[in-house]
Amino acid sequence: MLDLSGLMITLFPAANDGRSMKKLQIDQRAPDFSLPGVDGKDYSLKGFEGKQVVVVMFTCNHCPYVQAYEDRLIELQREYASRGVQLVAINANDAAGYPEDNFDNMVRRAQTKQFNFPYLRDETQRIARTYGAEYTPEVYVLNGDLHVRYIGRIDDNWQHPAKAKSHDLRNAIEAVLNGKPVENPVTHAIGCTIKWKL
């Protein structure tokens, strides 16, 4: 049983330090970024141009919700890689308050779980704010032109994958691959709040 005491979940608005933050909108072009990955390389969003779908995921190490979804994300990347789908994980959490989310521990986590997608560090939290990200995990599905087609949760059952009834991320990926609009383009993410710097 996971201990979720002390975690803020999605029943309440995500807290931040008061700086203005506006979430990206459907059909808006996603802002570019240049961030270091756990493999020693720098990654930019532009570098994924040419992919059919790019999934930008705000995530971290310590959140039980993220941990519960990791295997599902690894499987999605494995399943859809040949169809031009690329997942990209970004950790923006404040490592001073949450040392488990620092870069060295990101490297360890990626190695332990054998992530098959880039895992990037947003140390300044600027990219998370630019996207308007509030939770971990929270996903942004982009089409080949890097325009937003879906924002929100991965599915509707973080604890029990087999009991999930609404596979929102998978459905969004399939819709974009098939040139169709996403039926439910915005859902409420299920997860911990991003840990902002004080």
C-alpha atoms as a PDB file:
ATOM      1  CA  MET A   1       0.000   0.000   0.000  1.00  0.00           C
ATOM      2  CA  LEU A   2       1.395   3.396  -0.951  1.00  0.00           C
ATOM      3  CA  ASP A   3       1.493   6.067   1.748  1.00  0.00           C
ATOM      4  CA  LEU A   4      -0.015   9.202   0.245  1.00  0.00           C
ATOM      5  CA  SER A   5      -0.098  11.219   3.438  1.00  0.00           C
ATOM      6  CA  GLY A   6       1.068  14.760   2.966  1.00  0.00           C
ATOM      7  CA  LEU A   7       0.640  14.701  -0.806  1.00  0.00           C
ATOM      8  CA  MET A   8      -1.525  17.297  -2.482  1.00  0.00           C
ATOM      9  CA  ILE A   9      -3.621  15.711  -5.184  1.00  0.00           C
ATOM     10  CA  THR A  10      -5.957  17.030  -7.789  1.00  0.00           C
ATOM     11  CA  LEU A  11      -8.933  17.758  -5.567  1.00  0.00           C
ATOM     12  CA  PHE A  12      -7.535  21.253  -5.044  1.00  0.00           C
ATOM     13  CA  PRO A  13      -5.857  23.787  -7.333  1.00  0.00           C
ATOM     14  CA  ALA A  14      -2.102  23.484  -7.556  1.00  0.00           C
ATOM     15  CA  ALA A  15      -0.232  25.944  -5.404  1.00  0.00           C
ATOM     16  CA  ASN A  16       2.572  28.098  -6.757  1.00  0.00           C
ATOM     17  CA  ASP A  17       4.686  30.953  -5.496  1.00  0.00           C
ATOM     18  CA  GLY A  18       2.466  33.652  -6.931  1.00  0.00           C
ATOM     19  CA  ARG A  19       4.215  34.207 -10.237  1.00  0.00           C
ATOM     20  CA  SER A  20       1.772  34.277 -13.122  1.00  0.00           C
ATOM     21  CA  MET A  21       1.363  31.063 -15.056  1.00  0.00           C
ATOM     22  CA  LYS A  22      -0.982  30.345 -17.935  1.00  0.00           C
ATOM     23  CA  LYS A  23      -1.567  26.846 -19.284  1.00  0.00           C
ATOM     24  CA  LEU A  24      -1.070  26.161 -22.964  1.00  0.00           C
ATOM     25  CA  GLN A  25      -4.248  25.890 -24.995  1.00  0.00           C
ATOM     26  CA  ILE A  26      -5.352  23.266 -27.494  1.00  0.00           C
ATOM     27  CA  ASP A  27      -4.027  24.094 -31.007  1.00  0.00           C
ATOM     28  CA  GLN A  28      -1.339  26.393 -29.579  1.00  0.00           C
ATOM     29  CA  ARG A  29       2.215  25.696 -30.730  1.00  0.00           C
ATOM     30  CA  ALA A  30       4.255  24.297 -27.866  1.00  0.00           C
ATOM     31  CA  PRO A  31       7.210  26.450 -26.782  1.00  0.00           C
ATOM     32  CA  ASP A  32      10.662  25.165 -27.588  1.00  0.00           C
ATOM     33  CA  PHE A  33      13.108  24.210 -24.851  1.00  0.00           C
ATOM     34  CA  SER A  34      16.711  23.194 -24.438  1.00  0.00           C
ATOM     35  CA  LEU A  35      17.257  20.989 -21.395  1.00  0.00           C
ATOM     36  CA  PRO A  36      19.907  18.532 -20.185  1.00  0.00           C
ATOM     37  CA  GLY A  37      19.068  14.840 -20.198  1.00  0.00           C
ATOM     38  CA  VAL A  38      20.203  12.092 -17.851  1.00  0.00           C
ATOM     39  CA  ASP A  39      22.199  10.578 -20.741  1.00  0.00           C
ATOM     40  CA  GLY A  40      24.497  13.632 -20.887  1.00  0.00           C
ATOM     41  CA  LYS A  41      22.880  15.097 -23.997  1.00  0.00           C
ATOM     42  CA  ASP A  42      20.910  18.327 -24.393  1.00  0.00           C
ATOM     43  CA  TYR A  43      17.465  18.065 -25.953  1.00  0.00           C
ATOM     44  CA  SER A  44      15.260  20.636 -27.646  1.00  0.00           C
ATOM     45  CA  LEU A  45      11.654  20.309 -28.737  1.00  0.00           C
ATOM     46  CA  LYS A  46      12.719  21.319 -32.252  1.00  0.00           C
ATOM     47  CA  GLY A  47      14.914  18.252 -32.281  1.00  0.00           C
ATOM     48  CA  PHE A  48      11.793  16.092 -32.377  1.00  0.00           C
ATOM     49  CA  GLU A  49      10.350  17.739 -35.487  1.00  0.00           C
ATOM     50  CA  GLY A  50       9.572  15.039 -37.994  1.00  0.00           C
ATOM     51  CA  LYS A  51       7.955  12.798 -35.401  1.00  0.00           C
ATOM     52  CA  GLN A  52       4.260  12.098 -35.908  1.00  0.00           C
ATOM     53  CA  VAL A  53       3.480  12.665 -32.229  1.00  0.00           C
ATOM     54  CA  VAL A  54       5.524  14.119 -29.359  1.00  0.00           C
ATOM     55  CA  VAL A  55       4.332  13.573 -25.792  1.00  0.00           C
ATOM     56  CA  VAL A  56       5.830  16.064 -23.328  1.00  0.00           C
ATOM     57  CA  MET A  57       5.382  14.687 -19.809  1.00  0.00           C
ATOM     58  CA  PHE A  58       6.006  16.610 -16.592  1.00  0.00           C
ATOM     59  CA  THR A  59       7.169  14.043 -14.103  1.00  0.00           C
ATOM     60  CA  CYS A  60       9.626  13.420 -11.242  1.00  0.00           C
ATOM     61  CA  ASN A  61      11.177  10.668  -9.121  1.00  0.00           C
ATOM     62  CA  HIS A  62       9.450  10.760  -5.751  1.00  0.00           C
ATOM     63  CA  CYS A  63       5.730  11.056  -6.530  1.00  0.00           C
ATOM     64  CA  PRO A  64       3.831   7.764  -6.033  1.00  0.00           C
ATOM     65  CA  TYR A  65       1.514   8.645  -8.907  1.00  0.00           C
ATOM     66  CA  VAL A  66       4.455   9.009 -11.287  1.00  0.00           C
ATOM     67  CA  GLN A  67       6.001   5.769 -10.039  1.00  0.00           C
ATOM     68  CA  ALA A  68       2.713   3.963 -10.624  1.00  0.00           C
ATOM     69  CA  TYR A  69       2.617   5.142 -14.248  1.00  0.00           C
ATOM     70  CA  GLU A  70       6.269   4.592 -15.220  1.00  0.00           C
ATOM     71  CA  ASP A  71       5.824   1.065 -16.576  1.00  0.00           C
ATOM     72  CA  ARG A  72       2.793   2.159 -18.603  1.00  0.00           C
ATOM     73  CA  LEU A  73       4.787   4.985 -20.159  1.00  0.00           C
ATOM     74  CA  ILE A  74       7.702   2.689 -20.991  1.00  0.00           C
ATOM     75  CA  GLU A  75       5.270   0.291 -22.672  1.00  0.00           C
ATOM     76  CA  LEU A  76       3.603   3.107 -24.643  1.00  0.00           C
ATOM     77  CA  GLN A  77       6.970   4.259 -25.971  1.00  0.00           C
ATOM     78  CA  ARG A  78       7.894   0.703 -26.906  1.00  0.00           C
ATOM     79  CA  GLU A  79       4.563   0.113 -28.627  1.00  0.00           C
ATOM     80  CA  TYR A  80       4.403   3.366 -30.594  1.00  0.00           C
ATOM     81  CA  ALA A  81       8.048   4.084 -31.421  1.00  0.00           C
ATOM     82  CA  SER A  82       7.771   2.459 -34.850  1.00  0.00           C
ATOM     83  CA  ARG A  83       4.816   4.732 -35.654  1.00  0.00           C
ATOM     84  CA  GLY A  84       6.796   7.911 -35.060  1.00  0.00           C
ATOM     85  CA  VAL A  85       5.741   8.632 -31.482  1.00  0.00           C
ATOM     86  CA  GLN A  86       8.271  10.124 -29.043  1.00  0.00           C
ATOM     87  CA  LEU A  87       7.767  10.517 -25.292  1.00  0.00           C
ATOM     88  CA  VAL A  88       9.872  13.119 -23.446  1.00  0.00           C
ATOM     89  CA  ALA A  89       9.857  13.389 -19.641  1.00  0.00           C
ATOM     90  CA  ILE A  90      10.707  16.641 -17.830  1.00  0.00           C
ATOM     91  CA  ASN A  91      11.363  16.975 -14.087  1.00  0.00           C
ATOM     92  CA  ALA A  92      10.952  20.548 -12.794  1.00  0.00           C
ATOM     93  CA  ASN A  93      10.597  19.824  -9.062  1.00  0.00           C
ATOM     94  CA  ASP A  94      12.579  21.863  -6.532  1.00  0.00           C
ATOM     95  CA  ALA A  95      15.477  19.580  -5.621  1.00  0.00           C
ATOM     96  CA  ALA A  96      16.375  21.658  -2.554  1.00  0.00           C
ATOM     97  CA  GLY A  97      13.109  20.744  -0.891  1.00  0.00           C
ATOM     98  CA  TYR A  98      12.869  17.325  -2.553  1.00  0.00           C
ATOM     99  CA  PRO A  99      16.420  15.950  -2.946  1.00  0.00           C
ATOM    100  CA  GLU A 100      15.077  12.674  -4.331  1.00  0.00           C
ATOM    101  CA  ASP A 101      14.282  14.692  -7.466  1.00  0.00           C
ATOM    102  CA  ASN A 102      17.800  16.041  -8.026  1.00  0.00           C
ATOM    103  CA  PHE A 103      19.686  15.311 -11.226  1.00  0.00           C
ATOM    104  CA  ASP A 104      21.883  12.528  -9.833  1.00  0.00           C
ATOM    105  CA  ASN A 105      18.809  10.694  -8.594  1.00  0.00           C
ATOM    106  CA  MET A 106      17.142  11.244 -11.963  1.00  0.00           C
ATOM    107  CA  VAL A 107      20.078   9.454 -13.572  1.00  0.00           C
ATOM    108  CA  ARG A 108      19.715   6.580 -11.117  1.00  0.00           C
ATOM    109  CA  ARG A 109      15.956   6.357 -11.629  1.00  0.00           C
ATOM    110  CA  ALA A 110      16.267   6.277 -15.407  1.00  0.00           C
ATOM    111  CA  GLN A 111      18.873   3.525 -15.185  1.00  0.00           C
ATOM    112  CA  THR A 112      16.896   1.481 -12.670  1.00  0.00           C
ATOM    113  CA  LYS A 113      13.669   1.668 -14.652  1.00  0.00           C
ATOM    114  CA  GLN A 114      15.464   1.540 -18.018  1.00  0.00           C
ATOM    115  CA  PHE A 115      13.586   4.498 -19.445  1.00  0.00           C
ATOM    116  CA  ASN A 116      13.338   4.292 -23.237  1.00  0.00           C
ATOM    117  CA  PHE A 117      12.635   8.012 -23.607  1.00  0.00           C
ATOM    118  CA  PRO A 118      14.639  11.156 -22.716  1.00  0.00           C
ATOM    119  CA  TYR A 119      14.429  12.289 -19.086  1.00  0.00           C
ATOM    120  CA  LEU A 120      15.241  16.006 -18.816  1.00  0.00           C
ATOM    121  CA  ARG A 121      15.913  18.441 -15.986  1.00  0.00           C
ATOM    122  CA  ASP A 122      14.125  21.824 -15.868  1.00  0.00           C
ATOM    123  CA  GLU A 123      16.230  23.280 -13.068  1.00  0.00           C
ATOM    124  CA  THR A 124      14.905  26.842 -13.405  1.00  0.00           C
ATOM    125  CA  GLN A 125      11.285  25.611 -13.702  1.00  0.00           C
ATOM    126  CA  ARG A 126      10.877  27.999 -16.625  1.00  0.00           C
ATOM    127  CA  ILE A 127       9.621  25.328 -19.029  1.00  0.00           C
ATOM    128  CA  ALA A 128       7.061  23.995 -16.562  1.00  0.00           C
ATOM    129  CA  ARG A 129       5.755  27.540 -16.091  1.00  0.00           C
ATOM    130  CA  THR A 130       5.738  28.235 -19.820  1.00  0.00           C
ATOM    131  CA  TYR A 131       3.613  25.147 -20.400  1.00  0.00           C
ATOM    132  CA  GLY A 132       1.440  25.886 -17.375  1.00  0.00           C
ATOM    133  CA  ALA A 133       2.156  22.460 -15.911  1.00  0.00           C
ATOM    134  CA  GLU A 134       0.727  21.845 -12.456  1.00  0.00           C
ATOM    135  CA  TYR A 135       1.040  18.147 -11.683  1.00  0.00           C
ATOM    136  CA  THR A 136       3.265  15.104 -11.969  1.00  0.00           C
ATOM    137  CA  PRO A 137       2.438  13.312 -14.127  1.00  0.00           C
ATOM    138  CA  GLU A 138       0.808  15.697 -16.591  1.00  0.00           C
ATOM    139  CA  VAL A 139       1.052  15.141 -20.337  1.00  0.00           C
ATOM    140  CA  TYR A 140       0.915  17.358 -23.417  1.00  0.00           C
ATOM    141  CA  VAL A 141       0.338  15.547 -26.719  1.00  0.00           C
ATOM    142  CA  LEU A 142       1.695  17.427 -29.735  1.00  0.00           C
ATOM    143  CA  ASN A 143       1.198  16.710 -33.413  1.00  0.00           C
ATOM    144  CA  GLY A 144       3.968  16.639 -36.003  1.00  0.00           C
ATOM    145  CA  ASP A 145       3.893  20.446 -36.228  1.00  0.00           C
ATOM    146  CA  LEU A 146       4.289  20.627 -32.431  1.00  0.00           C
ATOM    147  CA  HIS A 147       0.812  22.019 -31.821  1.00  0.00           C
ATOM    148  CA  VAL A 148      -1.008  20.927 -28.678  1.00  0.00           C
ATOM    149  CA  ARG A 149      -3.744  18.349 -29.234  1.00  0.00           C
ATOM    150  CA  TYR A 150      -4.257  16.978 -25.706  1.00  0.00           C
ATOM    151  CA  ILE A 151      -3.479  18.063 -22.121  1.00  0.00           C
ATOM    152  CA  GLY A 152      -4.096  16.101 -18.942  1.00  0.00           C
ATOM    153  CA  ARG A 153      -3.990  12.648 -17.399  1.00  0.00           C
ATOM    154  CA  ILE A 154      -2.608   9.360 -18.687  1.00  0.00           C
ATOM    155  CA  ASP A 155      -5.701   7.335 -17.799  1.00  0.00           C
ATOM    156  CA  ASP A 156      -8.395   7.214 -15.126  1.00  0.00           C
ATOM    157  CA  ASN A 157      -6.889   4.641 -12.724  1.00  0.00           C
ATOM    158  CA  TRP A 158      -3.398   5.342 -11.456  1.00  0.00           C
ATOM    159  CA  GLN A 159      -3.371   2.426  -9.006  1.00  0.00           C
ATOM    160  CA  HIS A 160      -4.719  -0.420 -11.123  1.00  0.00           C
ATOM    161  CA  PRO A 161      -3.808  -0.353 -14.831  1.00  0.00           C
ATOM    162  CA  ALA A 162      -6.121  -3.248 -15.662  1.00  0.00           C
ATOM    163  CA  LYS A 163      -9.092  -1.370 -14.206  1.00  0.00           C
ATOM    164  CA  ALA A 164      -8.573   1.801 -16.231  1.00  0.00           C
ATOM    165  CA  LYS A 165     -11.632   2.530 -18.355  1.00  0.00           C
ATOM    166  CA  SER A 166     -10.536   5.749 -20.059  1.00  0.00           C
ATOM    167  CA  HIS A 167      -7.115   5.463 -21.712  1.00  0.00           C
ATOM    168  CA  ASP A 168      -6.822   9.163 -22.418  1.00  0.00           C
ATOM    169  CA  LEU A 169      -3.177   9.386 -23.476  1.00  0.00           C
ATOM    170  CA  ARG A 170      -3.390   6.342 -25.723  1.00  0.00           C
ATOM    171  CA  ASN A 171      -6.629   7.637 -27.263  1.00  0.00           C
ATOM    172  CA  ALA A 172      -5.040  11.025 -27.937  1.00  0.00           C
ATOM    173  CA  ILE A 173      -1.996   9.436 -29.579  1.00  0.00           C
ATOM    174  CA  GLU A 174      -4.207   7.293 -31.808  1.00  0.00           C
ATOM    175  CA  ALA A 175      -6.355  10.272 -32.797  1.00  0.00           C
ATOM    176  CA  VAL A 176      -3.347  12.377 -33.800  1.00  0.00           C
ATOM    177  CA  LEU A 177      -1.755   9.491 -35.702  1.00  0.00           C
ATOM    178  CA  ASN A 178      -4.982   9.067 -37.647  1.00  0.00           C
ATOM    179  CA  GLY A 179      -5.438  12.776 -38.335  1.00  0.00           C
ATOM    180  CA  LYS A 180      -8.554  13.023 -36.201  1.00  0.00           C
ATOM    181  CA  PRO A 181      -9.480  15.473 -33.426  1.00  0.00           C
ATOM    182  CA  VAL A 182      -9.018  14.200 -29.876  1.00  0.00           C
ATOM    183  CA  GLU A 183     -12.454  13.425 -28.466  1.00  0.00           C
ATOM    184  CA  ASN A 184     -11.656  14.734 -24.970  1.00  0.00           C
ATOM    185  CA  PRO A 185      -8.722  17.112 -25.512  1.00  0.00           C
ATOM    186  CA  VAL A 186      -8.467  18.364 -21.914  1.00  0.00           C
ATOM    187  CA  THR A 187      -8.701  16.213 -18.787  1.00  0.00           C
ATOM    188  CA  HIS A 188      -7.712  16.842 -15.192  1.00  0.00           C
ATOM    189  CA  ALA A 189      -4.303  15.361 -14.420  1.00  0.00           C
ATOM    190  CA  ILE A 190      -4.034  12.832 -11.588  1.00  0.00           C
ATOM    191  CA  GLY A 191      -0.901  13.324  -9.517  1.00  0.00           C
ATOM    192  CA  CYS A 192       1.182  15.327  -7.070  1.00  0.00           C
ATOM    193  CA  THR A 193       1.559  19.071  -7.477  1.00  0.00           C
ATOM    194  CA  ILE A 194       4.816  20.319  -9.000  1.00  0.00           C
ATOM    195  CA  LYS A 195       7.119  21.423  -6.192  1.00  0.00           C
ATOM    196  CA  TRP A 196       7.912  25.079  -6.905  1.00  0.00           C
ATOM    197  CA  LYS A 197      10.961  26.890  -5.624  1.00  0.00           C
ATOM    198  CA  LEU A 198      10.259  29.281  -2.752  1.00  0.00           C
END
